[in-house]
Amino acid sequence: MNGIKKNIPNAVTSLNLLFGCISIIYALHNQLVDASWMIVYAAIADFFDGMAARLLKVSSPR
């Protein structure tokens, strides 16, 4: 169970990366409003990534 708990924040971080990549694609196609929304979604995913890590007491090695 500990392995699953450790990977939840990583999954949310992957969402952040996905939204960022989609934002770049939208921007390259000159769909700047959609690109902006993807940046907002990435910021929200980043927030929940940190919150999930704190709630689950998971951290990466330093």
PDB file of N, CA and C in Angstrom:
ATOM      1  N   MET A   1       0.815  -1.203   0.000  1.00  0.00           N
ATOM      2  CA  MET A   1       0.000   0.000   0.000  1.00  0.00           C
ATOM      3  C   MET A   1       0.856   1.263   0.000  1.00  0.00           C
ATOM      4  N   ASN A   2       2.020   1.175   0.600  1.00  0.00           N
ATOM      5  CA  ASN A   2       2.891   2.349   0.680  1.00  0.00           C
ATOM      6  C   ASN A   2       3.330   2.821  -0.700  1.00  0.00           C
ATOM      7  N   GLY A   3       3.545   1.883  -1.638  1.00  0.00           N
ATOM      8  CA  GLY A   3       3.956   2.260  -2.984  1.00  0.00           C
ATOM      9  C   GLY A   3       2.889   3.042  -3.713  1.00  0.00           C
ATOM     10  N   ILE A   4       1.637   2.647  -3.528  1.00  0.00           N
ATOM     11  CA  ILE A   4       0.525   3.362  -4.167  1.00  0.00           C
ATOM     12  C   ILE A   4       0.419   4.770  -3.592  1.00  0.00           C
ATOM     13  N   LYS A   5       0.523   4.877  -2.281  1.00  0.00           N
ATOM     14  CA  LYS A   5       0.431   6.184  -1.623  1.00  0.00           C
ATOM     15  C   LYS A   5       1.513   7.125  -2.135  1.00  0.00           C
ATOM     16  N   LYS A   6       2.695   6.585  -2.365  1.00  0.00           N
ATOM     17  CA  LYS A   6       3.820   7.393  -2.829  1.00  0.00           C
ATOM     18  C   LYS A   6       3.602   7.892  -4.260  1.00  0.00           C
ATOM     19  N   ASN A   7       2.859   7.156  -5.054  1.00  0.00           N
ATOM     20  CA  ASN A   7       2.695   7.504  -6.460  1.00  0.00           C
ATOM     21  C   ASN A   7       1.518   8.420  -6.750  1.00  0.00           C
ATOM     22  N   ILE A   8       0.654   8.662  -5.803  1.00  0.00           N
ATOM     23  CA  ILE A   8      -0.484   9.553  -6.046  1.00  0.00           C
ATOM     24  C   ILE A   8      -0.006  10.968  -6.390  1.00  0.00           C
ATOM     25  N   PRO A   9       0.876  11.583  -5.606  1.00  0.00           N
ATOM     26  CA  PRO A   9       1.357  12.917  -6.003  1.00  0.00           C
ATOM     27  C   PRO A   9       2.092  12.894  -7.340  1.00  0.00           C
ATOM     28  N   ASN A  10       2.785  11.808  -7.644  1.00  0.00           N
ATOM     29  CA  ASN A  10       3.477  11.704  -8.930  1.00  0.00           C
ATOM     30  C   ASN A  10       2.494  11.673 -10.087  1.00  0.00           C
ATOM     31  N   ALA A  11       1.360  11.026  -9.895  1.00  0.00           N
ATOM     32  CA  ALA A  11       0.336  10.988 -10.939  1.00  0.00           C
ATOM     33  C   ALA A  11      -0.223  12.380 -11.192  1.00  0.00           C
ATOM     34  N   VAL A  12      -0.416  13.144 -10.121  1.00  0.00           N
ATOM     35  CA  VAL A  12      -0.923  14.505 -10.279  1.00  0.00           C
ATOM     36  C   VAL A  12       0.136  15.377 -10.958  1.00  0.00           C
ATOM     37  N   THR A  13       1.407  15.154 -10.658  1.00  0.00           N
ATOM     38  CA  THR A  13       2.482  15.873 -11.330  1.00  0.00           C
ATOM     39  C   THR A  13       2.487  15.552 -12.824  1.00  0.00           C
ATOM     40  N   SER A  14       2.202  14.304 -13.161  1.00  0.00           N
ATOM     41  CA  SER A  14       2.120  13.923 -14.575  1.00  0.00           C
ATOM     42  C   SER A  14       0.999  14.673 -15.275  1.00  0.00           C
ATOM     43  N   LEU A  15      -0.106  14.883 -14.573  1.00  0.00           N
ATOM     44  CA  LEU A  15      -1.200  15.688 -15.130  1.00  0.00           C
ATOM     45  C   LEU A  15      -0.717  17.104 -15.411  1.00  0.00           C
ATOM     46  N   ASN A  16       0.048  17.652 -14.487  1.00  0.00           N
ATOM     47  CA  ASN A  16       0.609  18.993 -14.659  1.00  0.00           C
ATOM     48  C   ASN A  16       1.454  19.049 -15.934  1.00  0.00           C
ATOM     49  N   LEU A  17       2.302  18.057 -16.132  1.00  0.00           N
ATOM     50  CA  LEU A  17       3.135  17.990 -17.332  1.00  0.00           C
ATOM     51  C   LEU A  17       2.282  17.873 -18.584  1.00  0.00           C
ATOM     52  N   LEU A  18       1.255  17.047 -18.537  1.00  0.00           N
ATOM     53  CA  LEU A  18       0.367  16.864 -19.683  1.00  0.00           C
ATOM     54  C   LEU A  18      -0.322  18.176 -20.061  1.00  0.00           C
ATOM     55  N   PHE A  19      -0.859  18.880 -19.063  1.00  0.00           N
ATOM     56  CA  PHE A  19      -1.511  20.156 -19.340  1.00  0.00           C
ATOM     57  C   PHE A  19      -0.526  21.160 -19.937  1.00  0.00           C
ATOM     58  N   GLY A  20       0.712  21.162 -19.455  1.00  0.00           N
ATOM     59  CA  GLY A  20       1.722  22.066 -20.003  1.00  0.00           C
ATOM     60  C   GLY A  20       2.037  21.754 -21.459  1.00  0.00           C
ATOM     61  N   CYS A  21       2.155  20.481 -21.780  1.00  0.00           N
ATOM     62  CA  CYS A  21       2.433  20.084 -23.172  1.00  0.00           C
ATOM     63  C   CYS A  21       1.262  20.429 -24.091  1.00  0.00           C
ATOM     64  N   ILE A  22       0.051  20.190 -23.619  1.00  0.00           N
ATOM     65  CA  ILE A  22      -1.127  20.535 -24.413  1.00  0.00           C
ATOM     66  C   ILE A  22      -1.191  22.045 -24.623  1.00  0.00           C
ATOM     67  N   SER A  23      -0.802  22.804 -23.600  1.00  0.00           N
ATOM     68  CA  SER A  23      -0.785  24.255 -23.720  1.00  0.00           C
ATOM     69  C   SER A  23       0.171  24.704 -24.822  1.00  0.00           C
ATOM     70  N   ILE A  24       1.324  24.081 -24.893  1.00  0.00           N
ATOM     71  CA  ILE A  24       2.290  24.430 -25.944  1.00  0.00           C
ATOM     72  C   ILE A  24       1.714  24.137 -27.323  1.00  0.00           C
ATOM     73  N   ILE A  25       1.052  23.007 -27.458  1.00  0.00           N
ATOM     74  CA  ILE A  25       0.450  22.647 -28.746  1.00  0.00           C
ATOM     75  C   ILE A  25      -0.618  23.665 -29.139  1.00  0.00           C
ATOM     76  N   TYR A  26      -1.476  24.031 -28.185  1.00  0.00           N
ATOM     77  CA  TYR A  26      -2.486  25.051 -28.470  1.00  0.00           C
ATOM     78  C   TYR A  26      -1.837  26.375 -28.873  1.00  0.00           C
ATOM     79  N   ALA A  27      -0.788  26.761 -28.166  1.00  0.00           N
ATOM     80  CA  ALA A  27      -0.122  28.026 -28.478  1.00  0.00           C
ATOM     81  C   ALA A  27       0.497  27.995 -29.875  1.00  0.00           C
ATOM     82  N   LEU A  28       1.064  26.863 -30.256  1.00  0.00           N
ATOM     83  CA  LEU A  28       1.653  26.749 -31.589  1.00  0.00           C
ATOM     84  C   LEU A  28       0.602  26.822 -32.689  1.00  0.00           C
ATOM     85  N   HIS A  29      -0.627  26.450 -32.349  1.00  0.00           N
ATOM     86  CA  HIS A  29      -1.732  26.542 -33.305  1.00  0.00           C
ATOM     87  C   HIS A  29      -2.515  27.860 -33.145  1.00  0.00           C
ATOM     88  N   ASN A  30      -1.915  28.797 -32.438  1.00  0.00           N
ATOM     89  CA  ASN A  30      -2.477  30.132 -32.241  1.00  0.00           C
ATOM     90  C   ASN A  30      -3.837  30.117 -31.551  1.00  0.00           C
ATOM     91  N   GLN A  31      -4.060  29.139 -30.693  1.00  0.00           N
ATOM     92  CA  GLN A  31      -5.282  29.071 -29.879  1.00  0.00           C
ATOM     93  C   GLN A  31      -4.899  29.475 -28.453  1.00  0.00           C
ATOM     94  N   LEU A  32      -4.684  30.769 -28.299  1.00  0.00           N
ATOM     95  CA  LEU A  32      -4.093  31.266 -27.060  1.00  0.00           C
ATOM     96  C   LEU A  32      -5.036  31.205 -25.866  1.00  0.00           C
ATOM     97  N   VAL A  33      -6.335  31.304 -26.109  1.00  0.00           N
ATOM     98  CA  VAL A  33      -7.286  31.198 -24.998  1.00  0.00           C
ATOM     99  C   VAL A  33      -7.253  29.777 -24.438  1.00  0.00           C
ATOM    100  N   ASP A  34      -7.291  28.796 -25.331  1.00  0.00           N
ATOM    101  CA  ASP A  34      -7.221  27.407 -24.889  1.00  0.00           C
ATOM    102  C   ASP A  34      -5.882  27.118 -24.208  1.00  0.00           C
ATOM    103  N   ALA A  35      -4.809  27.665 -24.734  1.00  0.00           N
ATOM    104  CA  ALA A  35      -3.490  27.490 -24.119  1.00  0.00           C
ATOM    105  C   ALA A  35      -3.472  28.077 -22.708  1.00  0.00           C
ATOM    106  N   SER A  36      -4.116  29.223 -22.548  1.00  0.00           N
ATOM    107  CA  SER A  36      -4.181  29.854 -21.228  1.00  0.00           C
ATOM    108  C   SER A  36      -4.951  28.994 -20.237  1.00  0.00           C
ATOM    109  N   TRP A  37      -6.039  28.399 -20.698  1.00  0.00           N
ATOM    110  CA  TRP A  37      -6.812  27.520 -19.815  1.00  0.00           C
ATOM    111  C   TRP A  37      -5.993  26.310 -19.388  1.00  0.00           C
ATOM    112  N   MET A  38      -5.189  25.780 -20.292  1.00  0.00           N
ATOM    113  CA  MET A  38      -4.347  24.634 -19.939  1.00  0.00           C
ATOM    114  C   MET A  38      -3.307  25.022 -18.884  1.00  0.00           C
ATOM    115  N   ILE A  39      -2.810  26.257 -18.958  1.00  0.00           N
ATOM    116  CA  ILE A  39      -1.876  26.746 -17.941  1.00  0.00           C
ATOM    117  C   ILE A  39      -2.582  26.851 -16.588  1.00  0.00           C
ATOM    118  N   VAL A  40      -3.830  27.311 -16.594  1.00  0.00           N
ATOM    119  CA  VAL A  40      -4.611  27.384 -15.352  1.00  0.00           C
ATOM    120  C   VAL A  40      -4.797  25.987 -14.772  1.00  0.00           C
ATOM    121  N   TYR A  41      -5.153  25.021 -15.648  1.00  0.00           N
ATOM    122  CA  TYR A  41      -5.332  23.643 -15.181  1.00  0.00           C
ATOM    123  C   TYR A  41      -4.026  23.076 -14.639  1.00  0.00           C
ATOM    124  N   ALA A  42      -2.908  23.411 -15.265  1.00  0.00           N
ATOM    125  CA  ALA A  42      -1.607  22.955 -14.783  1.00  0.00           C
ATOM    126  C   ALA A  42      -1.306  23.533 -13.402  1.00  0.00           C
ATOM    127  N   ALA A  43      -1.650  24.796 -13.189  1.00  0.00           N
ATOM    128  CA  ALA A  43      -1.430  25.420 -11.880  1.00  0.00           C
ATOM    129  C   ALA A  43      -2.283  24.751 -10.809  1.00  0.00           C
ATOM    130  N   ILE A  44      -3.513  24.426 -11.163  1.00  0.00           N
ATOM    131  CA  ILE A  44      -4.396  23.744 -10.208  1.00  0.00           C
ATOM    132  C   ILE A  44      -3.837  22.355  -9.883  1.00  0.00           C
ATOM    133  N   ALA A  45      -3.374  21.639 -10.915  1.00  0.00           N
ATOM    134  CA  ALA A  45      -2.775  20.324 -10.690  1.00  0.00           C
ATOM    135  C   ALA A  45      -1.531  20.444  -9.808  1.00  0.00           C
ATOM    136  N   ASP A  46      -0.751  21.503 -10.000  1.00  0.00           N
ATOM    137  CA  ASP A  46       0.439  21.723  -9.182  1.00  0.00           C
ATOM    138  C   ASP A  46       0.054  21.942  -7.722  1.00  0.00           C
ATOM    139  N   PHE A  47      -1.012  22.689  -7.494  1.00  0.00           N
ATOM    140  CA  PHE A  47      -1.500  22.921  -6.138  1.00  0.00           C
ATOM    141  C   PHE A  47      -1.892  21.602  -5.482  1.00  0.00           C
ATOM    142  N   PHE A  48      -2.675  20.793  -6.205  1.00  0.00           N
ATOM    143  CA  PHE A  48      -3.146  19.533  -5.637  1.00  0.00           C
ATOM    144  C   PHE A  48      -2.015  18.518  -5.486  1.00  0.00           C
ATOM    145  N   ASP A  49      -0.990  18.620  -6.303  1.00  0.00           N
ATOM    146  CA  ASP A  49       0.189  17.764  -6.158  1.00  0.00           C
ATOM    147  C   ASP A  49       0.831  18.004  -4.796  1.00  0.00           C
ATOM    148  N   GLY A  50       1.069  19.264  -4.482  1.00  0.00           N
ATOM    149  CA  GLY A  50       1.672  19.596  -3.192  1.00  0.00           C
ATOM    150  C   GLY A  50       0.783  19.229  -2.025  1.00  0.00           C
ATOM    151  N   MET A  51      -0.512  19.479  -2.171  1.00  0.00           N
ATOM    152  CA  MET A  51      -1.439  19.153  -1.092  1.00  0.00           C
ATOM    153  C   MET A  51      -1.486  17.643  -0.861  1.00  0.00           C
ATOM    154  N   ALA A  52      -1.523  16.861  -1.942  1.00  0.00           N
ATOM    155  CA  ALA A  52      -1.560  15.401  -1.801  1.00  0.00           C
ATOM    156  C   ALA A  52      -0.281  14.897  -1.135  1.00  0.00           C
ATOM    157  N   ALA A  53       0.850  15.461  -1.512  1.00  0.00           N
ATOM    158  CA  ALA A  53       2.126  15.036  -0.915  1.00  0.00           C
ATOM    159  C   ALA A  53       2.146  15.340   0.582  1.00  0.00           C
ATOM    160  N   ARG A  54       1.647  16.501   0.961  1.00  0.00           N
ATOM    161  CA  ARG A  54       1.618  16.853   2.380  1.00  0.00           C
ATOM    162  C   ARG A  54       0.627  15.985   3.153  1.00  0.00           C
ATOM    163  N   LEU A  55      -0.561  15.775   2.596  1.00  0.00           N
ATOM    164  CA  LEU A  55      -1.560  14.963   3.291  1.00  0.00           C
ATOM    165  C   LEU A  55      -1.118  13.518   3.460  1.00  0.00           C
ATOM    166  N   LEU A  56      -0.417  12.989   2.459  1.00  0.00           N
ATOM    167  CA  LEU A  56       0.028  11.599   2.507  1.00  0.00           C
ATOM    168  C   LEU A  56       1.418  11.461   3.134  1.00  0.00           C
ATOM    169  N   LYS A  57       2.011  12.604   3.519  1.00  0.00           N
ATOM    170  CA  LYS A  57       3.345  12.643   4.124  1.00  0.00           C
ATOM    171  C   LYS A  57       4.370  11.930   3.246  1.00  0.00           C
ATOM    172  N   VAL A  58       4.365  12.305   1.958  1.00  0.00           N
ATOM    173  CA  VAL A  58       5.274  11.732   0.975  1.00  0.00           C
ATOM    174  C   VAL A  58       6.238  12.818   0.532  1.00  0.00           C
ATOM    175  N   SER A  59       7.519  12.487   0.452  1.00  0.00           N
ATOM    176  CA  SER A  59       8.488  13.442  -0.057  1.00  0.00           C
ATOM    177  C   SER A  59       9.525  12.706  -0.890  1.00  0.00           C
ATOM    178  N   SER A  60      10.181  13.458  -1.746  1.00  0.00           N
ATOM    179  CA  SER A  60      11.238  12.874  -2.559  1.00  0.00           C
ATOM    180  C   SER A  60      12.557  12.965  -1.802  1.00  0.00           C
ATOM    181  N   PRO A  61      13.495  12.073  -2.114  1.00  0.00           N
ATOM    182  CA  PRO A  61      14.802  12.147  -1.434  1.00  0.00           C
ATOM    183  C   PRO A  61      15.527  13.433  -1.795  1.00  0.00           C
ATOM    184  N   ARG A  62      16.246  13.988  -0.847  1.00  0.00           N
ATOM    185  CA  ARG A  62      16.955  15.254  -1.061  1.00  0.00           C
ATOM    186  C   ARG A  62      18.382  15.032  -1.415  1.00  0.00           C
TER     187      ARG A  62
END
